[in-house]
């Protein structure tokens, strides 16, 4: 079931964000001081409990466990993460289809080197554009995708 996130979901949201980001981005950024120093569960939980962030998050919950999340602002998918243990089970697909059907989501940004995410988004109707920009504070580019 996909539902609006609540303050009770914050610790689980923070866990998913921290661990999935570590798994997916460490090989791109090669910066352990960020992966294991700056990215910590408690500060992420505090940041995401702010109403301007929490009010834009929906979670995928099954069997009483939050397994994934999506953050949508206006018609842009800002974040989509699925807990590593539950990837490959269609959760990401359900979240992105929810964003498209319920929020008319039509764009997103993705790290240029995150080829598996790019393939995933392409499979769901998004196309890479020529628009790119630096990921803030890094030498890496992110690319804009639209549908």
Protein backbone atom coordinates (compact mmCIF):
# COMPACT_ATOMS: atom_id res chain seq x y z
CA UNK A 1 0.00 0.00 0.00
CA UNK A 2 1.21 3.50 -0.80
CA UNK A 3 0.25 6.12 1.73
CA UNK A 4 1.23 9.59 2.88
CA UNK A 5 4.20 9.53 5.26
CA UNK A 6 3.68 10.57 8.86
CA UNK A 7 6.02 11.63 11.63
CA UNK A 8 5.90 8.04 12.91
CA UNK A 9 7.66 6.97 9.68
CA UNK A 10 10.65 9.28 10.11
CA UNK A 11 13.09 6.79 11.64
CA UNK A 12 12.34 4.23 8.93
CA UNK A 13 12.58 6.86 6.18
CA UNK A 14 15.96 7.95 7.56
CA UNK A 15 17.21 4.34 7.68
CA UNK A 16 16.23 3.74 4.07
CA UNK A 17 17.77 7.00 2.86
CA UNK A 18 21.06 6.52 4.70
CA UNK A 19 21.68 2.91 3.81
CA UNK A 20 20.50 3.03 0.19
CA UNK A 21 22.53 6.19 -0.44
CA UNK A 22 25.61 4.52 1.02
CA UNK A 23 25.14 1.45 -1.15
CA UNK A 24 24.38 3.34 -4.36
CA UNK A 25 26.58 6.40 -4.12
CA UNK A 26 29.78 5.32 -2.39
CA UNK A 27 31.12 3.84 -5.63
CA UNK A 28 30.30 7.07 -7.48
CA UNK A 29 31.58 9.66 -5.02
CA UNK A 30 34.41 7.67 -3.35
CA UNK A 31 34.08 9.76 -0.20
CA UNK A 32 33.83 7.77 3.01
CA UNK A 33 33.84 10.93 5.11
CA UNK A 34 30.46 11.76 3.56
CA UNK A 35 29.11 8.20 3.33
CA UNK A 36 29.93 7.31 6.93
CA UNK A 37 30.52 10.68 8.56
CA UNK A 38 28.04 13.21 7.27
CA UNK A 39 25.25 10.82 6.29
CA UNK A 40 23.89 9.64 9.63
CA UNK A 41 20.40 8.44 10.58
CA UNK A 42 19.64 10.99 13.32
CA UNK A 43 20.47 14.15 11.32
CA UNK A 44 18.57 12.78 8.30
CA UNK A 45 15.57 12.03 10.52
CA UNK A 46 15.67 15.55 11.92
CA UNK A 47 15.91 17.08 8.43
CA UNK A 48 13.09 14.99 6.97
CA UNK A 49 10.73 15.62 9.88
CA UNK A 50 10.38 19.23 8.70
CA UNK A 51 6.83 19.67 7.37
CA UNK A 52 8.03 21.10 4.03
CA UNK A 53 9.80 17.79 3.36
CA UNK A 54 7.60 15.26 5.17
CA UNK A 55 4.42 16.61 3.54
CA UNK A 56 5.80 15.63 0.12
CA UNK A 57 6.73 12.03 0.96
CA UNK A 58 4.70 8.89 0.33
CA UNK A 59 5.75 5.49 1.60
CA UNK A 60 5.24 1.97 0.35
CA UNK A 61 4.19 -0.19 3.28
CA UNK A 62 3.56 -3.92 3.29
CA UNK A 63 3.24 -6.33 6.20
CA UNK A 64 3.58 -3.36 8.58
CA UNK A 65 7.02 -2.44 7.19
CA UNK A 66 7.90 0.69 5.24
CA UNK A 67 9.91 -0.71 2.34
CA UNK A 68 10.31 2.32 0.10
CA UNK A 69 9.52 5.99 -0.33
CA UNK A 70 9.02 8.66 -2.92
CA UNK A 71 9.20 12.43 -2.55
CA UNK A 72 7.28 14.48 -5.08
CA UNK A 73 7.32 18.27 -5.30
CA UNK A 74 4.91 19.76 -7.80
CA UNK A 75 5.35 17.38 -10.75
CA UNK A 76 8.96 16.44 -10.03
CA UNK A 77 10.14 13.21 -8.46
CA UNK A 78 12.75 14.49 -6.03
CA UNK A 79 13.66 11.14 -4.45
CA UNK A 80 12.72 7.50 -4.87
CA UNK A 81 14.37 4.88 -2.68
CA UNK A 82 13.61 1.26 -1.91
CA UNK A 83 15.29 -0.60 0.94
CA UNK A 84 18.05 -2.82 -0.49
CA UNK A 85 16.47 -6.00 0.92
CA UNK A 86 13.23 -5.34 -0.97
CA UNK A 87 14.60 -4.21 -4.33
CA UNK A 88 13.53 -6.20 -7.37
CA UNK A 89 10.03 -6.81 -5.99
CA UNK A 90 8.21 -4.12 -7.98
CA UNK A 91 8.08 -1.58 -5.16
CA UNK A 92 9.97 1.12 -7.08
CA UNK A 93 7.74 0.50 -10.09
CA UNK A 94 4.60 0.95 -7.97
CA UNK A 95 5.98 4.15 -6.45
CA UNK A 96 6.88 5.68 -9.81
CA UNK A 97 3.56 4.70 -11.36
CA UNK A 98 1.82 6.27 -8.34
CA UNK A 99 3.77 9.49 -8.93
CA UNK A 100 2.82 9.51 -12.60
CA UNK A 101 -0.86 8.69 -12.15
CA UNK A 102 -1.68 10.55 -8.93
CA UNK A 103 0.65 13.56 -9.25
CA UNK A 104 1.30 13.75 -13.00
CA UNK A 105 5.04 13.55 -12.23
CA UNK A 106 6.90 14.30 -15.42
CA UNK A 107 10.53 15.02 -14.53
CA UNK A 108 13.39 14.13 -12.22
CA UNK A 109 17.15 14.45 -11.82
CA UNK A 110 19.48 11.46 -11.56
CA UNK A 111 23.23 11.11 -11.20
CA UNK A 112 24.75 10.62 -14.63
CA UNK A 113 26.84 7.69 -13.35
CA UNK A 114 23.84 5.97 -11.73
CA UNK A 115 23.17 3.90 -14.83
CA UNK A 116 20.90 1.39 -13.11
CA UNK A 117 18.59 4.21 -11.98
CA UNK A 118 18.62 5.71 -15.47
CA UNK A 119 17.61 2.34 -16.96
CA UNK A 120 14.85 2.00 -14.35
CA UNK A 121 13.43 5.44 -15.13
CA UNK A 122 13.69 4.82 -18.88
CA UNK A 123 11.67 1.61 -18.42
CA UNK A 124 8.97 3.81 -16.87
CA UNK A 125 8.78 6.32 -19.70
CA UNK A 126 11.40 8.91 -18.75
CA UNK A 127 14.07 10.03 -21.20
CA UNK A 128 17.47 11.59 -20.56
CA UNK A 129 17.67 15.18 -21.79
CA UNK A 130 20.72 17.25 -22.69
CA UNK A 131 20.24 19.26 -19.49
CA UNK A 132 22.73 18.51 -16.77
CA UNK A 133 24.24 20.23 -13.77
CA UNK A 134 26.71 19.51 -11.04
CA UNK A 135 25.43 17.69 -7.98
CA UNK A 136 25.96 20.33 -5.32
CA UNK A 137 29.31 20.06 -3.56
CA UNK A 138 30.63 17.34 -5.87
CA UNK A 139 32.40 17.02 -9.22
CA UNK A 140 29.62 14.71 -10.48
CA UNK A 141 26.86 15.60 -12.89
CA UNK A 142 23.20 14.86 -12.60
CA UNK A 143 21.00 14.75 -15.70
CA UNK A 144 17.40 15.77 -16.12
CA UNK A 145 14.92 13.15 -17.29
CA UNK A 146 11.43 13.91 -18.58
CA UNK A 147 8.43 12.01 -19.89
